Amino acid sequence: MADYLPETIGDRFQWVYEQNLVKRALDEILGDGGWKADPRPFEQGGTRKWITVTDRAKRREAGPPAPPEDWPRDEEFGPPPDGAIF
């Protein structure tokens, strides 16, 4: 997430951590209790957290959350310009 934030945010990784963005995103996508963070050994020493889905995760059929009503529709902007990366 931090890599996609503007450089005007000083320490982007710290900002993502302070804003709790990873937890908020996972809760929105998978639901409260729909995921857990498991510490696992890291080859350079210490541990890393792995995110795993639990049986309480939102069902895939639920689909993505709806955008706010006041967001403009994508069609209003037309097709992406040539060379767009997305």
Foldseek 3Di string as FASTA:
>chain_A
DLVPDDVVPPPSVVVCVVVVVVVVVCCQQFNVVQKDWDWDADPVGDTDTDIDGDPSGDDCVVPHDDDDPPDDDPPVVPDDDPPDPD
